[in-house]
Protein backbone atom coordinates (compact mmCIF):
# COMPACT_ATOMS: atom_id res chain seq x y z
CA MET A 1 -22.92 80.45 28.95
CA SER A 2 -23.66 78.20 31.88
CA GLU A 3 -23.21 74.51 32.50
CA ASP A 4 -24.68 72.55 35.37
CA GLU A 5 -23.42 69.12 36.36
CA PRO A 6 -24.95 67.72 39.55
CA ASP A 7 -22.85 65.39 41.68
CA GLY A 8 -25.27 62.59 40.95
CA VAL A 9 -28.64 61.83 39.40
CA GLU A 10 -30.27 61.59 42.81
CA ALA A 11 -29.35 65.22 43.53
CA LEU A 12 -32.15 66.35 41.22
CA PRO A 13 -35.91 66.03 41.71
CA GLN A 14 -37.46 63.00 40.07
CA ARG A 15 -40.36 63.82 37.75
CA MET A 16 -41.66 62.59 34.42
CA ILE A 17 -39.90 64.13 31.42
CA ASP A 18 -42.32 65.93 29.10
CA VAL A 19 -39.91 67.00 26.34
CA PRO A 20 -41.25 66.56 22.78
CA GLY A 21 -39.71 63.52 21.14
CA ALA A 22 -38.39 61.88 24.32
CA PRO A 23 -38.61 58.07 24.16
CA ALA A 24 -42.03 57.09 25.46
CA ASP A 25 -40.81 54.02 27.35
CA CYS A 26 -38.15 56.05 29.19
CA ARG A 27 -40.04 59.17 30.26
CA GLU A 28 -40.96 57.90 33.71
CA ARG A 29 -37.42 56.94 34.65
CA LEU A 30 -35.22 59.77 33.47
CA ALA A 31 -33.26 62.28 35.52
CA GLU A 32 -31.29 65.32 34.45
CA ARG A 33 -27.53 64.77 34.31
CA ALA A 34 -26.20 68.04 32.90
CA ARG A 35 -27.42 71.27 31.33
CA LEU A 36 -25.98 73.85 28.91
CA GLN A 37 -27.58 77.27 28.50
CA TRP A 38 -26.26 79.83 26.01
CA ARG A 39 -27.12 83.38 25.02
CA THR A 40 -25.90 85.35 22.02
CA ALA A 41 -23.77 87.59 24.23
CA ASP A 42 -21.77 84.50 25.28
CA GLY A 43 -20.20 84.32 21.82
CA GLY A 44 -19.28 81.28 19.78
CA ASP A 45 -21.31 79.04 17.49
CA PRO A 46 -24.35 77.61 19.32
CA ALA A 47 -24.60 74.63 16.96
CA ALA A 48 -20.98 73.65 17.58
CA LEU A 49 -21.33 74.22 21.32
CA ALA A 50 -24.37 71.94 21.42
CA GLN A 51 -22.56 69.11 19.64
CA GLU A 52 -19.45 69.49 21.82
CA PHE A 53 -21.52 69.45 25.01
CA LEU A 54 -23.42 66.34 23.93
CA THR A 55 -20.18 64.53 23.01
CA ALA A 56 -18.66 65.41 26.39
CA HIS A 57 -21.65 63.76 28.08
CA GLY A 58 -21.70 60.53 26.12
CA ILE A 59 -23.97 61.41 23.19
CA ALA A 60 -21.84 61.29 20.05
CA LEU A 61 -23.62 62.89 17.08
CA ASP A 62 -20.57 63.58 14.92
CA ASP A 63 -21.62 61.22 12.11
CA LEU A 64 -25.37 60.92 11.62
CA ALA A 65 -24.84 58.54 8.69
CA ARG A 66 -23.32 55.97 11.05
CA PRO A 67 -25.92 53.59 12.55
CA ALA A 68 -26.46 53.87 16.29
CA THR A 69 -29.12 52.56 18.64
CA HIS A 70 -30.69 53.74 21.85
CA ASP A 71 -30.04 51.51 24.87
CA PRO A 72 -33.08 51.81 27.18
CA HIS A 73 -31.05 50.26 30.00
CA GLY A 74 -27.85 52.25 29.52
CA GLY A 75 -26.68 55.21 31.55
CA VAL A 76 -27.35 58.10 29.17
CA CYS A 77 -30.67 58.15 27.32
CA GLY A 78 -30.46 61.33 25.24
CA ALA A 79 -31.00 65.05 25.51
CA ALA A 80 -33.57 67.76 25.11
CA LEU A 81 -32.47 70.43 22.65
CA TYR A 82 -33.95 73.90 22.22
CA LEU A 83 -32.52 76.38 19.72
CA SER A 84 -34.18 79.77 19.23
CA THR A 85 -34.70 81.56 15.93
CA ALA A 86 -32.10 84.12 17.01
CA ALA A 87 -29.55 81.37 17.71
CA GLY A 88 -30.32 79.73 14.37
CA ALA A 89 -29.90 83.06 12.57
CA HIS A 90 -26.61 83.61 14.40
CA ALA A 91 -25.32 80.20 13.34
CA ALA A 92 -26.46 80.79 9.74
CA GLY A 93 -24.83 84.23 9.53
CA GLY A 94 -28.07 86.22 9.47
CA PRO A 95 -29.30 89.10 11.66
CA PRO A 96 -30.77 88.03 15.03
CA GLY A 97 -33.85 90.25 14.76
CA ALA A 98 -35.39 92.52 17.37
CA PRO A 99 -34.68 91.95 21.08
CA THR A 100 -36.56 89.05 22.62
CA PRO A 101 -39.56 89.85 24.84
CA VAL A 102 -38.49 86.92 27.08
CA PRO A 103 -34.89 87.73 28.09
CA ALA A 104 -34.98 85.13 30.88
CA LEU A 105 -35.15 82.41 28.20
CA PRO A 106 -31.74 81.29 26.84
CA GLU A 107 -31.20 81.07 23.09
CA LEU A 108 -29.84 77.51 23.36
CA VAL A 109 -30.66 74.87 25.95
CA VAL A 110 -29.27 71.33 25.99
CA VAL A 111 -30.35 69.04 28.83
CA VAL A 112 -28.78 65.58 29.09
CA TYR A 113 -30.89 62.88 30.73
CA GLY A 114 -29.87 59.52 32.13
CA HIS A 115 -31.85 56.46 33.12
CA THR A 116 -32.55 55.90 36.79
CA ASP A 117 -33.90 52.88 38.63
CA ARG A 118 -36.22 55.04 40.70
CA PRO A 119 -39.41 55.68 38.68
CA SER A 120 -40.52 59.28 38.60
CA ALA A 121 -44.06 60.57 38.93
CA PRO A 122 -45.67 63.38 36.99
CA GLU A 123 -45.87 66.69 38.77
CA HIS A 124 -49.35 68.07 39.41
CA PRO A 125 -48.93 71.70 40.51
CA ALA A 126 -52.06 73.33 41.85
CA ALA A 127 -53.99 74.36 38.74
CA SER A 128 -56.60 76.15 40.87
CA ARG A 129 -54.12 78.97 41.53
CA TRP A 130 -53.86 79.81 37.85
CA ARG A 131 -55.06 83.28 36.78
CA LEU A 132 -54.41 84.87 33.39
CA GLY A 133 -54.79 88.57 32.59
CA ASP A 134 -55.56 90.40 29.36
CA TRP A 135 -53.42 89.94 26.27
CA ARG A 136 -51.34 92.86 25.03
CA GLU A 137 -50.30 92.82 21.37
CA SER A 138 -46.86 93.96 20.24
CA TRP A 139 -48.37 95.45 17.10
CA THR A 140 -51.84 96.55 16.08
CA PRO A 141 -53.70 94.92 13.18
CA ALA A 142 -52.95 98.05 11.14
CA GLN A 143 -49.21 97.80 11.88
CA HIS A 144 -49.27 94.11 10.97
CA ALA A 145 -51.03 94.93 7.70
CA ASP A 146 -48.46 97.67 6.98
CA ALA A 147 -45.67 95.11 7.44
CA VAL A 148 -47.38 92.82 4.93
CA THR A 149 -47.50 95.72 2.48
CA ALA A 150 -43.80 96.39 3.09
CA VAL A 151 -42.95 92.76 2.27
CA ARG A 152 -44.97 92.97 -0.95
CA ALA A 153 -42.97 96.07 -1.87
CA ALA A 154 -39.71 94.17 -1.21
CA ILE A 155 -40.96 91.35 -3.42
CA SER A 156 -41.77 93.83 -6.20
CA ARG A 157 -38.18 95.15 -5.98
CA GLY A 158 -36.81 91.61 -6.29
CA ASP A 159 -35.28 91.61 -2.80
CA VAL A 160 -37.15 88.46 -1.72
CA TYR A 161 -39.71 85.97 -2.99
CA GLN A 162 -41.45 85.27 0.33
CA VAL A 163 -41.15 86.41 3.96
CA ASN A 164 -42.78 84.95 7.06
CA LEU A 165 -44.04 87.67 9.42
CA VAL A 166 -44.67 86.85 13.08
CA GLY A 167 -46.56 88.81 15.71
CA HIS A 168 -46.35 88.55 19.49
CA ALA A 169 -48.67 89.04 22.45
CA SER A 170 -48.21 88.68 26.19
CA ALA A 171 -50.43 88.56 29.27
CA PRO A 172 -49.75 88.78 33.02
CA TYR A 173 -50.44 85.71 35.12
CA ALA A 174 -50.52 84.55 38.70
CA GLY A 175 -49.80 81.01 39.88
CA ASP A 176 -47.77 78.23 38.30
CA PRO A 177 -47.70 78.47 34.48
CA ARG A 178 -46.49 74.91 33.92
CA PRO A 179 -49.87 73.14 34.00
CA ALA A 180 -51.27 75.62 31.48
CA LEU A 181 -48.28 75.17 29.20
CA ALA A 182 -48.49 71.37 29.52
CA ARG A 183 -52.12 71.47 28.38
CA LEU A 184 -50.98 72.62 24.94
CA ALA A 185 -49.79 69.09 24.18
CA ALA A 186 -53.46 67.99 24.13
CA LEU A 187 -54.31 70.17 21.13
CA PRO A 188 -55.27 68.03 18.09
CA GLY A 189 -52.33 67.55 15.73
CA ALA A 190 -49.65 68.54 18.28
CA ARG A 191 -46.98 66.19 16.95
CA TYR A 192 -44.41 67.98 19.14
CA GLY A 193 -46.54 68.55 22.21
CA GLY A 194 -44.56 68.96 25.44
CA THR A 195 -42.67 71.29 27.74
CA LEU A 196 -39.18 72.32 28.74
CA THR A 197 -38.43 74.36 31.85
CA GLY A 198 -35.57 76.17 33.54
CA ALA A 199 -34.91 78.71 36.26
CA GLY A 200 -37.30 81.60 35.61
CA TRP A 201 -38.71 80.31 32.30
CA ALA A 202 -40.83 77.58 30.72
CA ILE A 203 -41.81 76.61 27.18
CA GLY A 204 -45.00 74.82 26.11
CA CYS A 205 -45.31 73.48 22.57
CA ALA A 206 -48.20 72.22 20.43
CA SER A 207 -46.36 72.17 17.11
CA PRO A 208 -47.48 69.93 14.25
CA GLU A 209 -44.36 70.65 12.15
CA THR A 210 -41.16 68.59 11.87
CA LEU A 211 -38.15 70.86 11.44
CA ILE A 212 -35.69 67.98 11.09
CA ALA A 213 -35.69 64.32 12.05
CA LEU A 214 -33.42 61.35 11.47
CA ASP A 215 -35.76 58.50 10.62
CA HIS A 216 -34.49 55.06 9.56
CA GLY A 217 -31.25 56.52 8.25
CA ARG A 218 -32.84 59.43 6.37
CA LEU A 219 -33.13 63.10 7.21
CA VAL A 220 -36.75 64.26 7.08
CA THR A 221 -38.37 67.69 7.16
CA ARG A 222 -42.10 68.39 6.87
CA PRO A 223 -42.72 72.06 5.97
CA ILE A 224 -46.22 73.42 6.53
CA LYS A 225 -47.53 76.29 4.40
CA GLY A 226 -51.12 77.10 3.55
CA THR A 227 -54.02 77.51 5.98
CA ARG A 228 -57.81 77.49 5.83
CA PRO A 229 -60.64 76.93 8.35
CA ALA A 230 -61.27 73.22 9.00
CA THR A 231 -64.56 73.11 7.12
CA PRO A 232 -65.45 71.26 3.92
CA ALA A 233 -65.36 74.59 2.07
CA GLY A 234 -62.00 75.44 3.61
CA HIS A 235 -60.59 72.09 2.48
CA ARG A 236 -61.73 72.73 -1.09
CA GLU A 237 -60.39 76.30 -1.04
CA LEU A 238 -56.95 75.23 0.18
CA LEU A 239 -56.61 72.55 -2.48
CA ALA A 240 -57.74 74.97 -5.19
CA SER A 241 -55.69 78.01 -4.13
CA ALA A 242 -52.95 78.83 -6.65
CA LYS A 243 -51.51 81.38 -4.21
CA GLU A 244 -51.22 78.88 -1.34
CA ARG A 245 -49.75 76.19 -3.59
CA ALA A 246 -47.15 78.58 -5.04
CA GLU A 247 -46.17 79.73 -1.54
CA HIS A 248 -45.92 76.12 -0.40
CA VAL A 249 -43.83 74.90 -3.34
CA MET A 250 -41.45 77.83 -2.87
CA ILE A 251 -40.70 76.67 0.68
CA VAL A 252 -40.44 73.02 -0.37
CA ASP A 253 -37.74 74.08 -2.86
CA LEU A 254 -35.95 75.99 -0.09
CA GLU A 255 -36.05 72.93 2.19
CA ARG A 256 -34.74 70.74 -0.63
CA ASN A 257 -31.82 73.11 -1.04
CA ASP A 258 -31.16 73.17 2.73
CA LEU A 259 -31.03 69.38 2.89
CA ALA A 260 -28.90 69.17 -0.26
CA ARG A 261 -26.14 71.03 1.59
CA VAL A 262 -25.74 68.13 4.04
CA ALA A 263 -27.00 65.14 2.02
CA ARG A 264 -25.41 62.50 -0.13
CA THR A 265 -25.40 63.63 -3.73
CA GLY A 266 -28.63 62.80 -5.51
CA SER A 267 -30.43 61.53 -2.41
CA VAL A 268 -32.87 64.43 -1.84
CA ARG A 269 -36.45 63.68 -2.74
CA VAL A 270 -39.97 64.98 -2.13
CA ASP A 271 -41.89 62.06 -0.66
CA GLU A 272 -45.22 63.87 -0.33
CA LEU A 273 -46.37 67.20 -1.74
CA PHE A 274 -49.19 69.46 -0.49
CA ALA A 275 -51.00 66.97 1.73
CA VAL A 276 -53.85 68.67 3.61
CA ARG A 277 -53.98 67.83 7.32
CA ARG A 278 -55.83 69.21 10.32
CA TRP A 279 -54.49 71.13 13.34
CA CYS A 280 -57.26 72.12 15.76
CA ASP A 281 -59.84 73.99 13.69
CA LEU A 282 -57.54 74.66 10.74
CA TRP A 283 -56.57 72.81 7.56
CA GLN A 284 -52.87 73.10 6.72
CA ALA A 285 -50.83 71.91 3.75
CA GLU A 286 -47.78 69.78 4.55
CA SER A 287 -45.06 68.20 2.42
CA THR A 288 -42.36 65.67 3.28
CA VAL A 289 -38.79 66.13 2.03
CA SER A 290 -36.09 63.59 2.84
CA ALA A 291 -32.43 62.85 2.11
CA ALA A 292 -29.65 60.48 3.10
CA PRO A 293 -27.13 62.22 5.39
CA ALA A 294 -23.65 62.71 3.96
CA HIS A 295 -20.90 60.63 5.53
CA GLY A 296 -19.40 62.46 8.48
CA LEU A 297 -22.36 64.84 8.88
CA GLY A 298 -22.53 66.03 12.48
CA LEU A 299 -25.37 67.61 14.41
CA ALA A 300 -23.75 71.07 14.30
CA ALA A 301 -23.59 71.16 10.49
CA LEU A 302 -27.16 69.87 10.28
CA LEU A 303 -28.46 72.59 12.60
CA ARG A 304 -26.61 75.27 10.64
CA ALA A 305 -28.16 73.98 7.40
CA VAL A 306 -31.79 73.88 8.51
CA CYS A 307 -32.06 76.61 11.18
CA PRO A 308 -33.96 78.83 11.24
CA GLY A 309 -36.61 76.82 9.42
CA GLY A 310 -37.44 77.88 5.89
CA SER A 311 -41.20 77.81 6.44
CA VAL A 312 -40.90 80.50 9.15
CA THR A 313 -38.27 82.68 7.44
CA GLY A 314 -38.81 82.82 3.68
CA ALA A 315 -36.85 82.75 0.45
CA PRO A 316 -34.02 83.45 0.00
CA LYS A 317 -33.51 82.70 3.69
CA LEU A 318 -30.86 85.31 4.57
CA ALA A 319 -32.65 88.04 2.64
CA ALA A 320 -35.90 87.09 4.39
CA LEU A 321 -34.14 87.34 7.77
CA GLU A 322 -33.12 90.89 6.86
CA GLN A 323 -36.76 91.80 6.22
CA ILE A 324 -37.87 90.11 9.44
CA ALA A 325 -35.29 92.03 11.48
CA ALA A 326 -36.46 95.31 9.95
CA LEU A 327 -40.22 94.76 10.27
CA GLU A 328 -41.02 92.73 13.39
CA PRO A 329 -41.22 94.97 16.50
CA VAL A 330 -40.10 92.31 19.00
CA GLY A 331 -38.04 89.16 18.79
CA ARG A 332 -39.45 85.70 18.26
CA GLY A 333 -38.32 84.37 21.64
CA ALA A 334 -39.35 80.74 22.00
CA SER A 335 -41.25 80.66 18.71
CA MET A 336 -40.14 79.58 15.23
CA GLY A 337 -37.08 77.77 16.63
CA ALA A 338 -36.31 74.09 17.30
CA LEU A 339 -37.41 71.93 20.23
CA GLY A 340 -37.17 68.19 20.64
CA TRP A 341 -34.91 65.24 21.39
CA VAL A 342 -31.52 64.03 20.24
CA GLY A 343 -29.77 60.81 21.16
CA PRO A 344 -27.81 57.88 19.75
CA GLY A 345 -28.97 57.45 16.17
CA ARG A 346 -31.84 59.87 16.71
CA VAL A 347 -32.74 63.47 15.93
CA ASP A 348 -36.36 64.60 16.28
CA LEU A 349 -36.80 68.37 16.41
CA GLY A 350 -40.08 70.19 15.96
CA LEU A 351 -40.43 73.72 14.68
CA THR A 352 -41.76 75.80 17.57
CA ILE A 353 -44.89 77.16 15.95
CA ARG A 354 -48.04 77.07 18.16
CA THR A 355 -45.69 77.63 21.09
CA ALA A 356 -45.91 79.69 24.28
CA ALA A 357 -43.34 80.73 26.85
CA ALA A 358 -43.50 82.01 30.41
CA ASP A 359 -41.10 84.20 32.34
CA ALA A 360 -41.55 85.22 35.95
CA GLN A 361 -44.43 87.60 35.21
CA ARG A 362 -45.98 87.09 31.77
CA LEU A 363 -47.04 84.48 29.25
CA HIS A 364 -45.95 85.02 25.65
CA VAL A 365 -47.40 83.69 22.38
CA TRP A 366 -46.49 84.22 18.73
CA ALA A 367 -48.24 83.62 15.39
CA GLY A 368 -47.79 84.65 11.80
CA GLY A 369 -47.73 83.49 8.22
CA GLY A 370 -45.91 83.56 4.91
CA ILE A 371 -46.24 86.67 2.75
CA THR A 372 -46.05 86.52 -1.05
CA TRP A 373 -46.94 89.00 -3.77
CA GLY A 374 -50.45 87.55 -3.77
CA SER A 375 -51.02 88.15 -0.05
CA ASP A 376 -53.92 90.28 1.14
CA PRO A 377 -52.92 92.25 4.29
CA ALA A 378 -56.28 91.85 6.03
CA ALA A 379 -56.38 88.13 5.30
CA GLU A 380 -52.84 87.67 6.68
CA VAL A 381 -53.79 89.44 9.91
CA ALA A 382 -56.85 87.22 10.26
CA GLU A 383 -54.82 84.05 9.57
CA ALA A 384 -52.32 84.87 12.32
CA ALA A 385 -55.16 85.47 14.77
CA ALA A 386 -56.74 82.12 13.84
CA LYS A 387 -53.47 80.29 14.51
CA ALA A 388 -53.03 81.94 17.92
CA ALA A 389 -56.65 81.47 19.06
CA PRO A 390 -56.52 77.77 20.14
CA VAL A 391 -53.27 78.34 22.05
CA ARG A 392 -54.63 81.39 23.86
CA ALA A 393 -57.89 79.64 24.68
CA LEU A 394 -56.22 76.61 26.20
CA LEU A 395 -53.79 78.73 28.23
CA ALA A 396 -56.78 80.46 29.81
CA THR A 397 -58.39 77.17 30.90
CA ALA A 398 -59.26 76.94 34.61
CA GLN A 399 -58.34 80.55 35.26
CA GLN A 400 -59.93 82.44 38.11
CA ARG A 401 -60.07 86.19 38.68
CA PRO A 402 -57.48 87.83 36.34
CA PRO A 403 -54.54 89.65 37.94
CA ARG A 404 -54.43 93.44 37.75
């Protein structure tokens, strides 16, 4: 575990903050104050460590039911928070899964930002240097289909009801990956578009999905399950699909149960069910589940309740994590975790689907889908490819001759 506290705000470079969920009116005048990075080998509870670190730096999130407001002129604004699937599984008592393909990326990152009087300017690294090589898959379509069949067998045994399977691919690159990763925020429907960077790693997110937010005194999650091509026929098919609706409702029930663990009794409700919305060239079904936070609920307990997200694990969650650990050939790295902003009276974390990460040599992307008894292996493989395609295409924008 590492912590970094500069002597002063001016010791760090001034640049616009591009973290998903950061206050729009503050982004041009923020500077990093302190940073926590944690890996599983460091030991301890990442959720508790995150809350303790935030408290030590003036961001008290020990009672989310207590009203608090953001002061745009105060010293501390808030913090970026990234929590990987592996860290979420660790906090929840589940298996971490296969080793990550991006070991340079920590499992937990908390970056505290303060206001500064010196406006920052966006960085514009030289995009012309960008070159992206060929993608290499971590499993073949046949291996992916075999994993779907294995999940269906587990469902037939009664081990699980649903499991989300995720595949990975990586490609070599040359140049600065940050402009390519920042472009992901422009994808249509990228509610959590933005980036987070550190020494030797960077994350770019185009996620449409809210993992957990604190909105006007209520906890809100918006699970997404169910996908079709964004055509009139695809819209009709998604609305009419009994398989997609059953898969979706199963995850809505899981999210209701997750929130009930940290909510005031009787306050959990489904505000919207199976609303069809567009992300790039896909229709997706989304629901909204909300609850009033229990008195004394802190950020750590909230993270332990909702991470990893139900829509990217399955039901029951711990049993699904066991299947994921056994079937996925590489870890989920930056994907299927949490990324966003926390601050006084505010939590806004997206689920890191449609997300890419860079280490010193390669770009990494992930995509998958929920498997039920009614899943067709070939269709599941095709769905994962369709979800990854817009991300891959945008990452390749403005590339020159690919590296060898």
